[in-house]
């Protein structure tokens, strides 16, 4: 009966000019249909599935313009969606030093040293995604750990949660951060016993260094996005919610879409703090098309547990001097609430 239904559907669609452009055959197709959870083949017209069934029946729909992929028994699923990514930063991290699985301070230092040796002198080294909780003991690094290995390069490498980063002496110097630099709302400059910056900057304090890093060009942004989407596609991710699609990033997405280079569907979220720039041109949420559209707004209330900046009711057991900090936005809760209400009213 299911075969007859599939073929009837095919005949109906073909009658409306929906000849398949692609057949996937000899596979294990997960359909999402509880009454027919698996099929052997699928027919696709453009970007729409028009029929599922056996390889034998689906091949009957083939025309001279139809291509065919033999899955050779492989499992086939719809593309996965990643509901929270920072695609530009992710792409940049893929081309930066890989510190995620450094198991000690020594390995962390040596990885940075080796990466620097293949980087033009004076070029900023960023990315990293390190996690000091992989180390024994789980103590935060400081700039003295990496200064000798990276003296000729400014370094600003992020912890994996993005809520704190380590700057070397060169980066601190370029950012103008020293003993006299004051903390900023929503951020912490970690200091030693004498009050000197250790190189660790938490949450909003990271902006002190980010302001000193030259902004990427459109070509560099597109290259980073391509690196991110190559990785995403390799693990079956075909759509994402980008939580930091700033105007220059959104412009890159549009350029890639127009040039046929965008291979992920993107919902680009804008910063809550700058909602007016979207509202000013009358754009509301969900504006765009099925490949690229404006999503919602992204705001921050606090930081992360691993950086001890997540805002808690009681102090941290491993850092009893703090119970976290509000974000730069929540440091002025009346303004944050106004932003939320007014952005919502603007759509």
C-alpha atoms as a PDB file:
ATOM      1  CA  UNK A   1       0.000   0.000   0.000  1.00  0.00           C
ATOM      2  CA  UNK A   2       2.825   2.426   0.861  1.00  0.00           C
ATOM      3  CA  UNK A   3       4.396   1.758  -2.534  1.00  0.00           C
ATOM      4  CA  UNK A   4       1.116   2.593  -4.251  1.00  0.00           C
ATOM      5  CA  UNK A   5       0.774   5.796  -2.224  1.00  0.00           C
ATOM      6  CA  UNK A   6       4.329   6.847  -3.024  1.00  0.00           C
ATOM      7  CA  UNK A   7       3.826   6.217  -6.737  1.00  0.00           C
ATOM      8  CA  UNK A   8       0.476   8.018  -6.702  1.00  0.00           C
ATOM      9  CA  UNK A   9       2.144  11.012  -5.101  1.00  0.00           C
ATOM     10  CA  UNK A  10       4.881  10.889  -7.729  1.00  0.00           C
ATOM     11  CA  UNK A  11       2.375  10.831 -10.557  1.00  0.00           C
ATOM     12  CA  UNK A  12       0.545  13.829  -9.118  1.00  0.00           C
ATOM     13  CA  UNK A  13       3.694  15.863  -8.681  1.00  0.00           C
ATOM     14  CA  UNK A  14       5.026  14.919 -12.091  1.00  0.00           C
ATOM     15  CA  UNK A  15       1.757  16.078 -13.596  1.00  0.00           C
ATOM     16  CA  UNK A  16       2.554  19.549 -12.249  1.00  0.00           C
ATOM     17  CA  UNK A  17       5.975  19.538 -13.862  1.00  0.00           C
ATOM     18  CA  UNK A  18       7.912  18.315 -10.819  1.00  0.00           C
ATOM     19  CA  UNK A  19      10.346  15.992 -12.536  1.00  0.00           C
ATOM     20  CA  UNK A  20      13.080  14.873 -10.126  1.00  0.00           C
ATOM     21  CA  UNK A  21      16.486  16.452 -10.461  1.00  0.00           C
ATOM     22  CA  UNK A  22      18.152  14.016  -8.049  1.00  0.00           C
ATOM     23  CA  UNK A  23      17.585  10.450  -6.914  1.00  0.00           C
ATOM     24  CA  UNK A  24      19.149   8.930  -3.796  1.00  0.00           C
ATOM     25  CA  UNK A  25      18.911   5.150  -4.073  1.00  0.00           C
ATOM     26  CA  UNK A  26      19.983   1.979  -2.260  1.00  0.00           C
ATOM     27  CA  UNK A  27      20.092   3.679   1.119  1.00  0.00           C
ATOM     28  CA  UNK A  28      18.486   3.715   4.523  1.00  0.00           C
ATOM     29  CA  UNK A  29      16.407   6.895   4.401  1.00  0.00           C
ATOM     30  CA  UNK A  30      15.052   8.162   7.719  1.00  0.00           C
ATOM     31  CA  UNK A  31      11.751   9.771   6.737  1.00  0.00           C
ATOM     32  CA  UNK A  32      10.420  11.237   9.997  1.00  0.00           C
ATOM     33  CA  UNK A  33       7.102   9.583   9.147  1.00  0.00           C
ATOM     34  CA  UNK A  34       5.995   7.245  11.937  1.00  0.00           C
ATOM     35  CA  UNK A  35       3.921   5.216   9.475  1.00  0.00           C
ATOM     36  CA  UNK A  36       6.903   4.712   7.161  1.00  0.00           C
ATOM     37  CA  UNK A  37      10.026   5.475   9.219  1.00  0.00           C
ATOM     38  CA  UNK A  38      12.477   4.140   6.664  1.00  0.00           C
ATOM     39  CA  UNK A  39      12.677   3.999   2.901  1.00  0.00           C
ATOM     40  CA  UNK A  40      15.260   2.793   0.423  1.00  0.00           C
ATOM     41  CA  UNK A  41      15.222   5.737  -1.978  1.00  0.00           C
ATOM     42  CA  UNK A  42      14.082   9.308  -2.354  1.00  0.00           C
ATOM     43  CA  UNK A  43      13.336  11.582  -5.312  1.00  0.00           C
ATOM     44  CA  UNK A  44      14.124  15.286  -5.096  1.00  0.00           C
ATOM     45  CA  UNK A  45      13.028  18.150  -7.349  1.00  0.00           C
ATOM     46  CA  UNK A  46      15.192  21.221  -6.773  1.00  0.00           C
ATOM     47  CA  UNK A  47      15.218  21.517  -3.006  1.00  0.00           C
ATOM     48  CA  UNK A  48      12.020  19.587  -2.301  1.00  0.00           C
ATOM     49  CA  UNK A  49      11.476  15.895  -1.628  1.00  0.00           C
ATOM     50  CA  UNK A  50       8.723  14.664  -3.944  1.00  0.00           C
ATOM     51  CA  UNK A  51       8.666  10.939  -3.239  1.00  0.00           C
ATOM     52  CA  UNK A  52      10.104   8.130  -1.133  1.00  0.00           C
ATOM     53  CA  UNK A  53       9.943   4.412  -1.770  1.00  0.00           C
ATOM     54  CA  UNK A  54      11.941   1.481  -3.034  1.00  0.00           C
ATOM     55  CA  UNK A  55      14.917   1.937  -5.332  1.00  0.00           C
ATOM     56  CA  UNK A  56      13.029   0.124  -8.066  1.00  0.00           C
ATOM     57  CA  UNK A  57       9.997   2.421  -7.894  1.00  0.00           C
ATOM     58  CA  UNK A  58      11.930   5.665  -7.472  1.00  0.00           C
ATOM     59  CA  UNK A  59      14.144   4.887 -10.464  1.00  0.00           C
ATOM     60  CA  UNK A  60      11.023   4.778 -12.632  1.00  0.00           C
ATOM     61  CA  UNK A  61      10.802   8.554 -12.190  1.00  0.00           C
ATOM     62  CA  UNK A  62      14.254   9.205 -13.664  1.00  0.00           C
ATOM     63  CA  UNK A  63      14.509  11.434 -16.733  1.00  0.00           C
ATOM     64  CA  UNK A  64      17.454  12.434 -18.862  1.00  0.00           C
ATOM     65  CA  UNK A  65      18.078  15.465 -16.632  1.00  0.00           C
ATOM     66  CA  UNK A  66      17.995  13.500 -13.369  1.00  0.00           C
ATOM     67  CA  UNK A  67      21.225  12.683 -11.551  1.00  0.00           C
ATOM     68  CA  UNK A  68      21.540   9.689  -9.250  1.00  0.00           C
ATOM     69  CA  UNK A  69      23.569   8.955  -6.110  1.00  0.00           C
ATOM     70  CA  UNK A  70      24.004   5.339  -5.035  1.00  0.00           C
ATOM     71  CA  UNK A  71      24.097   5.429  -1.229  1.00  0.00           C
ATOM     72  CA  UNK A  72      25.373   1.848  -1.050  1.00  0.00           C
ATOM     73  CA  UNK A  73      23.400   1.104   2.097  1.00  0.00           C
ATOM     74  CA  UNK A  74      24.363   4.256   3.987  1.00  0.00           C
ATOM     75  CA  UNK A  75      22.059   5.893   6.507  1.00  0.00           C
ATOM     76  CA  UNK A  76      20.609   9.185   5.227  1.00  0.00           C
ATOM     77  CA  UNK A  77      19.082  11.851   7.460  1.00  0.00           C
ATOM     78  CA  UNK A  78      17.783  15.389   7.123  1.00  0.00           C
ATOM     79  CA  UNK A  79      20.448  17.988   7.856  1.00  0.00           C
ATOM     80  CA  UNK A  80      21.063  18.820  11.505  1.00  0.00           C
ATOM     81  CA  UNK A  81      20.395  22.263  12.949  1.00  0.00           C
ATOM     82  CA  UNK A  82      22.782  23.857  15.454  1.00  0.00           C
ATOM     83  CA  UNK A  83      20.696  26.230  17.565  1.00  0.00           C
ATOM     84  CA  UNK A  84      23.543  28.343  18.974  1.00  0.00           C
ATOM     85  CA  UNK A  85      26.768  29.097  17.131  1.00  0.00           C
ATOM     86  CA  UNK A  86      29.180  31.995  16.642  1.00  0.00           C
ATOM     87  CA  UNK A  87      30.108  31.182  13.081  1.00  0.00           C
ATOM     88  CA  UNK A  88      32.753  33.838  12.444  1.00  0.00           C
ATOM     89  CA  UNK A  89      34.556  33.136  15.703  1.00  0.00           C
ATOM     90  CA  UNK A  90      34.247  29.403  15.062  1.00  0.00           C
ATOM     91  CA  UNK A  91      35.807  29.707  11.628  1.00  0.00           C
ATOM     92  CA  UNK A  92      38.591  31.897  12.979  1.00  0.00           C
ATOM     93  CA  UNK A  93      39.241  29.369  15.745  1.00  0.00           C
ATOM     94  CA  UNK A  94      39.573  26.565  13.203  1.00  0.00           C
ATOM     95  CA  UNK A  95      42.502  28.408  11.653  1.00  0.00           C
ATOM     96  CA  UNK A  96      44.058  29.426  14.989  1.00  0.00           C
ATOM     97  CA  UNK A  97      46.034  27.497  17.626  1.00  0.00           C
ATOM     98  CA  UNK A  98      44.222  24.365  18.782  1.00  0.00           C
ATOM     99  CA  UNK A  99      44.341  24.548  22.596  1.00  0.00           C
ATOM    100  CA  UNK A 100      41.072  22.779  23.439  1.00  0.00           C
ATOM    101  CA  UNK A 101      42.690  19.564  24.585  1.00  0.00           C
ATOM    102  CA  UNK A 102      45.945  20.888  26.036  1.00  0.00           C
ATOM    103  CA  UNK A 103      46.317  18.753  29.154  1.00  0.00           C
ATOM    104  CA  UNK A 104      48.778  20.975  31.024  1.00  0.00           C
ATOM    105  CA  UNK A 105      50.173  24.484  31.158  1.00  0.00           C
ATOM    106  CA  UNK A 106      53.331  23.231  29.465  1.00  0.00           C
ATOM    107  CA  UNK A 107      51.386  21.769  26.536  1.00  0.00           C
ATOM    108  CA  UNK A 108      49.354  24.981  26.299  1.00  0.00           C
ATOM    109  CA  UNK A 109      52.569  27.044  26.116  1.00  0.00           C
ATOM    110  CA  UNK A 110      54.286  24.740  23.656  1.00  0.00           C
ATOM    111  CA  UNK A 111      51.283  24.660  21.315  1.00  0.00           C
ATOM    112  CA  UNK A 112      51.241  28.444  21.192  1.00  0.00           C
ATOM    113  CA  UNK A 113      55.011  28.551  20.624  1.00  0.00           C
ATOM    114  CA  UNK A 114      54.789  26.108  17.718  1.00  0.00           C
ATOM    115  CA  UNK A 115      51.845  27.965  16.158  1.00  0.00           C
ATOM    116  CA  UNK A 116      53.654  31.298  16.450  1.00  0.00           C
ATOM    117  CA  UNK A 117      56.663  29.959  14.559  1.00  0.00           C
ATOM    118  CA  UNK A 118      54.434  29.611  11.466  1.00  0.00           C
ATOM    119  CA  UNK A 119      52.783  33.023  11.875  1.00  0.00           C
ATOM    120  CA  UNK A 120      54.159  36.288  10.433  1.00  0.00           C
ATOM    121  CA  UNK A 121      55.891  38.302  13.145  1.00  0.00           C
ATOM    122  CA  UNK A 122      53.606  40.951  14.602  1.00  0.00           C
ATOM    123  CA  UNK A 123      50.364  39.281  13.485  1.00  0.00           C
ATOM    124  CA  UNK A 124      47.754  38.782  16.193  1.00  0.00           C
ATOM    125  CA  UNK A 125      47.225  35.204  17.386  1.00  0.00           C
ATOM    126  CA  UNK A 126      43.658  34.555  18.528  1.00  0.00           C
ATOM    127  CA  UNK A 127      41.231  31.668  18.983  1.00  0.00           C
ATOM    128  CA  UNK A 128      42.405  28.765  21.091  1.00  0.00           C
ATOM    129  CA  UNK A 129      39.371  27.513  23.041  1.00  0.00           C
ATOM    130  CA  UNK A 130      41.509  26.386  25.991  1.00  0.00           C
ATOM    131  CA  UNK A 131      40.101  24.876  29.163  1.00  0.00           C
ATOM    132  CA  UNK A 132      42.225  25.128  32.301  1.00  0.00           C
ATOM    133  CA  UNK A 133      39.968  22.579  33.977  1.00  0.00           C
ATOM    134  CA  UNK A 134      41.821  19.944  31.915  1.00  0.00           C
ATOM    135  CA  UNK A 135      44.959  20.749  33.920  1.00  0.00           C
ATOM    136  CA  UNK A 136      46.166  19.504  37.270  1.00  0.00           C
ATOM    137  CA  UNK A 137      45.974  21.726  39.191  1.00  0.00           C
ATOM    138  CA  UNK A 138      43.189  23.637  37.416  1.00  0.00           C
ATOM    139  CA  UNK A 139      44.761  27.084  37.801  1.00  0.00           C
ATOM    140  CA  UNK A 140      44.360  29.954  35.390  1.00  0.00           C
ATOM    141  CA  UNK A 141      47.324  30.702  33.099  1.00  0.00           C
ATOM    142  CA  UNK A 142      49.058  34.079  33.179  1.00  0.00           C
ATOM    143  CA  UNK A 143      50.967  36.059  30.584  1.00  0.00           C
ATOM    144  CA  UNK A 144      54.347  35.074  32.078  1.00  0.00           C
ATOM    145  CA  UNK A 145      53.601  31.478  31.050  1.00  0.00           C
ATOM    146  CA  UNK A 146      53.624  32.365  27.342  1.00  0.00           C
ATOM    147  CA  UNK A 147      55.581  35.631  27.052  1.00  0.00           C
ATOM    148  CA  UNK A 148      58.960  34.090  26.236  1.00  0.00           C
ATOM    149  CA  UNK A 149      57.403  31.782  23.626  1.00  0.00           C
ATOM    150  CA  UNK A 150      55.363  34.529  21.950  1.00  0.00           C
ATOM    151  CA  UNK A 151      57.416  37.705  22.453  1.00  0.00           C
ATOM    152  CA  UNK A 152      57.128  38.765  18.794  1.00  0.00           C
ATOM    153  CA  UNK A 153      53.368  38.258  18.479  1.00  0.00           C
ATOM    154  CA  UNK A 154      50.416  39.795  20.339  1.00  0.00           C
ATOM    155  CA  UNK A 155      48.364  36.889  21.687  1.00  0.00           C
ATOM    156  CA  UNK A 156      44.768  36.899  22.903  1.00  0.00           C
ATOM    157  CA  UNK A 157      43.410  33.359  23.186  1.00  0.00           C
ATOM    158  CA  UNK A 158      39.934  32.582  24.491  1.00  0.00           C
ATOM    159  CA  UNK A 159      38.689  30.004  26.933  1.00  0.00           C
ATOM    160  CA  UNK A 160      36.264  27.599  25.279  1.00  0.00           C
ATOM    161  CA  UNK A 161      33.185  29.380  26.695  1.00  0.00           C
ATOM    162  CA  UNK A 162      34.217  32.771  25.301  1.00  0.00           C
ATOM    163  CA  UNK A 163      33.789  34.449  28.675  1.00  0.00           C
ATOM    164  CA  UNK A 164      37.464  34.995  29.374  1.00  0.00           C
ATOM    165  CA  UNK A 165      40.750  35.095  27.498  1.00  0.00           C
ATOM    166  CA  UNK A 166      44.488  35.272  28.098  1.00  0.00           C
ATOM    167  CA  UNK A 167      46.586  38.152  26.728  1.00  0.00           C
ATOM    168  CA  UNK A 168      50.366  38.043  26.585  1.00  0.00           C
ATOM    169  CA  UNK A 169      52.521  41.030  27.490  1.00  0.00           C
ATOM    170  CA  UNK A 170      52.603  42.256  23.879  1.00  0.00           C
ATOM    171  CA  UNK A 171      48.796  42.271  23.666  1.00  0.00           C
ATOM    172  CA  UNK A 172      48.438  44.006  27.047  1.00  0.00           C
ATOM    173  CA  UNK A 173      50.885  46.663  25.901  1.00  0.00           C
ATOM    174  CA  UNK A 174      49.050  47.305  22.614  1.00  0.00           C
ATOM    175  CA  UNK A 175      45.737  47.493  24.492  1.00  0.00           C
ATOM    176  CA  UNK A 176      47.180  49.912  27.045  1.00  0.00           C
ATOM    177  CA  UNK A 177      46.319  47.667  30.010  1.00  0.00           C
ATOM    178  CA  UNK A 178      48.478  48.016  33.096  1.00  0.00           C
ATOM    179  CA  UNK A 179      48.269  48.280  36.873  1.00  0.00           C
ATOM    180  CA  UNK A 180      46.406  51.583  36.626  1.00  0.00           C
ATOM    181  CA  UNK A 181      43.688  50.324  34.258  1.00  0.00           C
ATOM    182  CA  UNK A 182      40.323  50.251  36.013  1.00  0.00           C
ATOM    183  CA  UNK A 183      37.838  47.412  35.777  1.00  0.00           C
ATOM    184  CA  UNK A 184      34.905  47.934  33.438  1.00  0.00           C
ATOM    185  CA  UNK A 185      31.213  47.284  34.163  1.00  0.00           C
ATOM    186  CA  UNK A 186      30.438  43.646  33.488  1.00  0.00           C
ATOM    187  CA  UNK A 187      34.101  42.623  33.343  1.00  0.00           C
ATOM    188  CA  UNK A 188      37.090  41.713  35.465  1.00  0.00           C
ATOM    189  CA  UNK A 189      40.811  42.306  34.948  1.00  0.00           C
ATOM    190  CA  UNK A 190      42.394  39.521  36.979  1.00  0.00           C
ATOM    191  CA  UNK A 191      45.362  40.838  38.986  1.00  0.00           C
ATOM    192  CA  UNK A 192      48.227  39.393  41.001  1.00  0.00           C
ATOM    193  CA  UNK A 193      48.967  40.217  44.635  1.00  0.00           C
ATOM    194  CA  UNK A 194      50.632  43.497  43.602  1.00  0.00           C
ATOM    195  CA  UNK A 195      47.668  44.563  41.475  1.00  0.00           C
ATOM    196  CA  UNK A 196      49.343  43.884  38.121  1.00  0.00           C
ATOM    197  CA  UNK A 197      47.189  42.334  35.356  1.00  0.00           C
ATOM    198  CA  UNK A 198      47.851  38.602  34.998  1.00  0.00           C
ATOM    199  CA  UNK A 199      46.684  38.642  31.394  1.00  0.00           C
ATOM    200  CA  UNK A 200      43.310  37.037  32.162  1.00  0.00           C
ATOM    201  CA  UNK A 201      40.389  39.256  31.179  1.00  0.00           C
ATOM    202  CA  UNK A 202      36.820  38.201  31.916  1.00  0.00           C
ATOM    203  CA  UNK A 203      33.651  39.040  30.003  1.00  0.00           C
ATOM    204  CA  UNK A 204      33.347  42.772  29.196  1.00  0.00           C
ATOM    205  CA  UNK A 205      37.008  43.357  30.108  1.00  0.00           C
ATOM    206  CA  UNK A 206      37.934  41.403  26.976  1.00  0.00           C
ATOM    207  CA  UNK A 207      36.737  44.363  24.922  1.00  0.00           C
ATOM    208  CA  UNK A 208      39.762  46.323  26.140  1.00  0.00           C
ATOM    209  CA  UNK A 209      41.909  44.023  23.999  1.00  0.00           C
ATOM    210  CA  UNK A 210      39.444  43.371  21.187  1.00  0.00           C
ATOM    211  CA  UNK A 211      39.455  47.113  20.460  1.00  0.00           C
ATOM    212  CA  UNK A 212      43.183  46.888  19.760  1.00  0.00           C
ATOM    213  CA  UNK A 213      42.880  44.006  17.292  1.00  0.00           C
ATOM    214  CA  UNK A 214      42.494  45.188  13.670  1.00  0.00           C
ATOM    215  CA  UNK A 215      39.025  44.282  12.372  1.00  0.00           C
ATOM    216  CA  UNK A 216      38.960  41.536   9.743  1.00  0.00           C
ATOM    217  CA  UNK A 217      38.337  42.465   6.125  1.00  0.00           C
ATOM    218  CA  UNK A 218      35.291  41.162   4.278  1.00  0.00           C
ATOM    219  CA  UNK A 219      37.564  38.686   2.516  1.00  0.00           C
ATOM    220  CA  UNK A 220      38.850  37.387   5.879  1.00  0.00           C
ATOM    221  CA  UNK A 221      35.309  37.150   7.271  1.00  0.00           C
ATOM    222  CA  UNK A 222      34.147  35.157   4.248  1.00  0.00           C
ATOM    223  CA  UNK A 223      37.179  32.851   4.524  1.00  0.00           C
ATOM    224  CA  UNK A 224      36.391  32.196   8.202  1.00  0.00           C
ATOM    225  CA  UNK A 225      32.712  31.528   7.456  1.00  0.00           C
ATOM    226  CA  UNK A 226      33.714  29.119   4.693  1.00  0.00           C
ATOM    227  CA  UNK A 227      35.975  27.259   7.124  1.00  0.00           C
ATOM    228  CA  UNK A 228      33.115  27.053   9.630  1.00  0.00           C
ATOM    229  CA  UNK A 229      30.568  25.855   7.092  1.00  0.00           C
ATOM    230  CA  UNK A 230      32.986  23.255   5.690  1.00  0.00           C
ATOM    231  CA  UNK A 231      33.289  21.775   9.168  1.00  0.00           C
ATOM    232  CA  UNK A 232      29.539  22.068   9.809  1.00  0.00           C
ATOM    233  CA  UNK A 233      28.685  20.313   6.547  1.00  0.00           C
ATOM    234  CA  UNK A 234      31.217  17.563   7.270  1.00  0.00           C
ATOM    235  CA  UNK A 235      29.209  16.543  10.354  1.00  0.00           C
ATOM    236  CA  UNK A 236      25.796  16.956   8.740  1.00  0.00           C
ATOM    237  CA  UNK A 237      24.909  20.453   9.995  1.00  0.00           C
ATOM    238  CA  UNK A 238      23.035  22.339   7.283  1.00  0.00           C
ATOM    239  CA  UNK A 239      21.358  25.160   9.235  1.00  0.00           C
ATOM    240  CA  UNK A 240      22.446  27.319  12.137  1.00  0.00           C
ATOM    241  CA  UNK A 241      21.349  30.115  14.423  1.00  0.00           C
ATOM    242  CA  UNK A 242      24.294  32.515  14.461  1.00  0.00           C
ATOM    243  CA  UNK A 243      24.121  34.432  17.723  1.00  0.00           C
ATOM    244  CA  UNK A 244      26.617  37.103  16.660  1.00  0.00           C
ATOM    245  CA  UNK A 245      25.707  38.043  13.092  1.00  0.00           C
ATOM    246  CA  UNK A 246      26.896  41.648  13.303  1.00  0.00           C
ATOM    247  CA  UNK A 247      26.367  43.838  10.202  1.00  0.00           C
ATOM    248  CA  UNK A 248      29.750  43.006   8.667  1.00  0.00           C
ATOM    249  CA  UNK A 249      29.045  39.274   9.175  1.00  0.00           C
ATOM    250  CA  UNK A 250      25.541  39.552   7.742  1.00  0.00           C
ATOM    251  CA  UNK A 251      26.996  41.366   4.725  1.00  0.00           C
ATOM    252  CA  UNK A 252      29.401  38.454   4.214  1.00  0.00           C
ATOM    253  CA  UNK A 253      26.522  35.963   4.392  1.00  0.00           C
ATOM    254  CA  UNK A 254      24.614  37.957   1.761  1.00  0.00           C
ATOM    255  CA  UNK A 255      27.642  38.110  -0.521  1.00  0.00           C
ATOM    256  CA  UNK A 256      28.168  34.370  -0.195  1.00  0.00           C
ATOM    257  CA  UNK A 257      24.481  33.673  -0.847  1.00  0.00           C
ATOM    258  CA  UNK A 258      24.497  35.813  -4.002  1.00  0.00           C
ATOM    259  CA  UNK A 259      27.708  34.125  -5.197  1.00  0.00           C
ATOM    260  CA  UNK A 260      26.365  30.620  -4.546  1.00  0.00           C
ATOM    261  CA  UNK A 261      28.888  29.952  -1.775  1.00  0.00           C
ATOM    262  CA  UNK A 262      26.510  29.700   1.210  1.00  0.00           C
ATOM    263  CA  UNK A 263      25.923  26.038   2.041  1.00  0.00           C
ATOM    264  CA  UNK A 264      24.239  26.470   5.403  1.00  0.00           C
ATOM    265  CA  UNK A 265      20.924  28.130   6.092  1.00  0.00           C
ATOM    266  CA  UNK A 266      21.489  30.973   8.537  1.00  0.00           C
ATOM    267  CA  UNK A 267      19.287  32.691  11.063  1.00  0.00           C
ATOM    268  CA  UNK A 268      21.383  35.698  12.035  1.00  0.00           C
ATOM    269  CA  UNK A 269      20.772  37.131  15.509  1.00  0.00           C
ATOM    270  CA  UNK A 270      21.641  40.742  16.307  1.00  0.00           C
ATOM    271  CA  UNK A 271      22.921  42.233  19.588  1.00  0.00           C
ATOM    272  CA  UNK A 272      20.174  43.374  21.946  1.00  0.00           C
ATOM    273  CA  UNK A 273      22.126  46.526  22.788  1.00  0.00           C
ATOM    274  CA  UNK A 274      22.027  47.757  19.190  1.00  0.00           C
ATOM    275  CA  UNK A 275      18.449  46.793  18.309  1.00  0.00           C
ATOM    276  CA  UNK A 276      17.769  50.322  17.058  1.00  0.00           C
ATOM    277  CA  UNK A 277      19.976  49.906  13.999  1.00  0.00           C
ATOM    278  CA  UNK A 278      17.744  47.047  12.820  1.00  0.00           C
ATOM    279  CA  UNK A 279      14.485  48.750  13.746  1.00  0.00           C
ATOM    280  CA  UNK A 280      15.533  52.022  12.108  1.00  0.00           C
ATOM    281  CA  UNK A 281      15.147  50.524   8.636  1.00  0.00           C
ATOM    282  CA  UNK A 282      11.900  48.749   9.533  1.00  0.00           C
ATOM    283  CA  UNK A 283      13.319  45.235   9.642  1.00  0.00           C
ATOM    284  CA  UNK A 284      11.441  42.840  11.922  1.00  0.00           C
ATOM    285  CA  UNK A 285      12.355  39.344  13.083  1.00  0.00           C
ATOM    286  CA  UNK A 286      12.210  36.617  10.422  1.00  0.00           C
ATOM    287  CA  UNK A 287      12.872  39.031   7.555  1.00  0.00           C
ATOM    288  CA  UNK A 288      14.673  37.327   4.682  1.00  0.00           C
ATOM    289  CA  UNK A 289      14.308  34.038   2.880  1.00  0.00           C
ATOM    290  CA  UNK A 290      14.725  30.336   3.555  1.00  0.00           C
ATOM    291  CA  UNK A 291      18.510  30.584   3.251  1.00  0.00           C
ATOM    292  CA  UNK A 292      19.292  33.762   5.192  1.00  0.00           C
ATOM    293  CA  UNK A 293      17.095  35.786   7.481  1.00  0.00           C
ATOM    294  CA  UNK A 294      17.166  38.041  10.508  1.00  0.00           C
ATOM    295  CA  UNK A 295      16.466  35.993  13.611  1.00  0.00           C
ATOM    296  CA  UNK A 296      16.043  37.453  17.069  1.00  0.00           C
ATOM    297  CA  UNK A 297      18.201  39.493  19.435  1.00  0.00           C
ATOM    298  CA  UNK A 298      20.962  38.202  21.701  1.00  0.00           C
ATOM    299  CA  UNK A 299      21.651  39.747  25.089  1.00  0.00           C
ATOM    300  CA  UNK A 300      23.803  38.752  28.043  1.00  0.00           C
ATOM    301  CA  UNK A 301      22.739  38.649  31.680  1.00  0.00           C
ATOM    302  CA  UNK A 302      25.976  37.248  33.067  1.00  0.00           C
ATOM    303  CA  UNK A 303      28.982  35.092  32.219  1.00  0.00           C
ATOM    304  CA  UNK A 304      29.846  31.413  32.573  1.00  0.00           C
ATOM    305  CA  UNK A 305      30.478  28.920  35.359  1.00  0.00           C
ATOM    306  CA  UNK A 306      33.961  27.983  34.154  1.00  0.00           C
ATOM    307  CA  UNK A 307      35.030  31.621  34.198  1.00  0.00           C
ATOM    308  CA  UNK A 308      33.353  32.181  37.621  1.00  0.00           C
ATOM    309  CA  UNK A 309      31.371  35.020  36.074  1.00  0.00           C
ATOM    310  CA  UNK A 310      27.949  33.321  35.979  1.00  0.00           C
ATOM    311  CA  UNK A 311      25.883  35.303  38.489  1.00  0.00           C
ATOM    312  CA  UNK A 312      24.950  33.138  41.484  1.00  0.00           C
ATOM    313  CA  UNK A 313      23.108  33.711  44.759  1.00  0.00           C
ATOM    314  CA  UNK A 314      26.058  32.373  46.782  1.00  0.00           C
ATOM    315  CA  UNK A 315      29.867  32.383  46.338  1.00  0.00           C
ATOM    316  CA  UNK A 316      31.676  29.772  44.273  1.00  0.00           C
ATOM    317  CA  UNK A 317      33.090  26.890  46.303  1.00  0.00           C
ATOM    318  CA  UNK A 318      36.408  27.122  44.438  1.00  0.00           C
ATOM    319  CA  UNK A 319      36.417  30.957  44.378  1.00  0.00           C
ATOM    320  CA  UNK A 320      34.739  32.084  47.615  1.00  0.00           C
ATOM    321  CA  UNK A 321      35.620  35.721  46.990  1.00  0.00           C
ATOM    322  CA  UNK A 322      33.045  35.983  44.176  1.00  0.00           C
ATOM    323  CA  UNK A 323      29.514  34.970  43.319  1.00  0.00           C
ATOM    324  CA  UNK A 324      29.878  36.075  39.692  1.00  0.00           C
ATOM    325  CA  UNK A 325      29.131  39.363  38.001  1.00  0.00           C
ATOM    326  CA  UNK A 326      26.261  40.832  36.010  1.00  0.00           C
ATOM    327  CA  UNK A 327      26.980  41.500  32.371  1.00  0.00           C
ATOM    328  CA  UNK A 328      27.634  45.013  31.097  1.00  0.00           C
ATOM    329  CA  UNK A 329      23.981  44.993  30.001  1.00  0.00           C
ATOM    330  CA  UNK A 330      22.556  43.776  33.300  1.00  0.00           C
ATOM    331  CA  UNK A 331      24.786  46.212  35.182  1.00  0.00           C
ATOM    332  CA  UNK A 332      22.108  48.716  34.131  1.00  0.00           C
ATOM    333  CA  UNK A 333      18.956  46.575  34.480  1.00  0.00           C
ATOM    334  CA  UNK A 334      16.545  49.447  33.771  1.00  0.00           C
ATOM    335  CA  UNK A 335      18.235  50.100  30.413  1.00  0.00           C
ATOM    336  CA  UNK A 336      18.316  46.374  29.560  1.00  0.00           C
ATOM    337  CA  UNK A 337      14.609  46.064  30.331  1.00  0.00           C
ATOM    338  CA  UNK A 338      13.861  49.125  28.174  1.00  0.00           C
ATOM    339  CA  UNK A 339      15.869  47.592  25.326  1.00  0.00           C
ATOM    340  CA  UNK A 340      13.885  44.357  25.611  1.00  0.00           C
ATOM    341  CA  UNK A 341      10.485  46.110  25.729  1.00  0.00           C
ATOM    342  CA  UNK A 342      11.237  48.575  22.944  1.00  0.00           C
ATOM    343  CA  UNK A 343      12.807  45.971  20.665  1.00  0.00           C
ATOM    344  CA  UNK A 344       9.797  43.720  21.179  1.00  0.00           C
ATOM    345  CA  UNK A 345       7.450  46.592  20.386  1.00  0.00           C
ATOM    346  CA  UNK A 346       9.399  47.221  17.177  1.00  0.00           C
ATOM    347  CA  UNK A 347       8.924  43.629  16.135  1.00  0.00           C
END
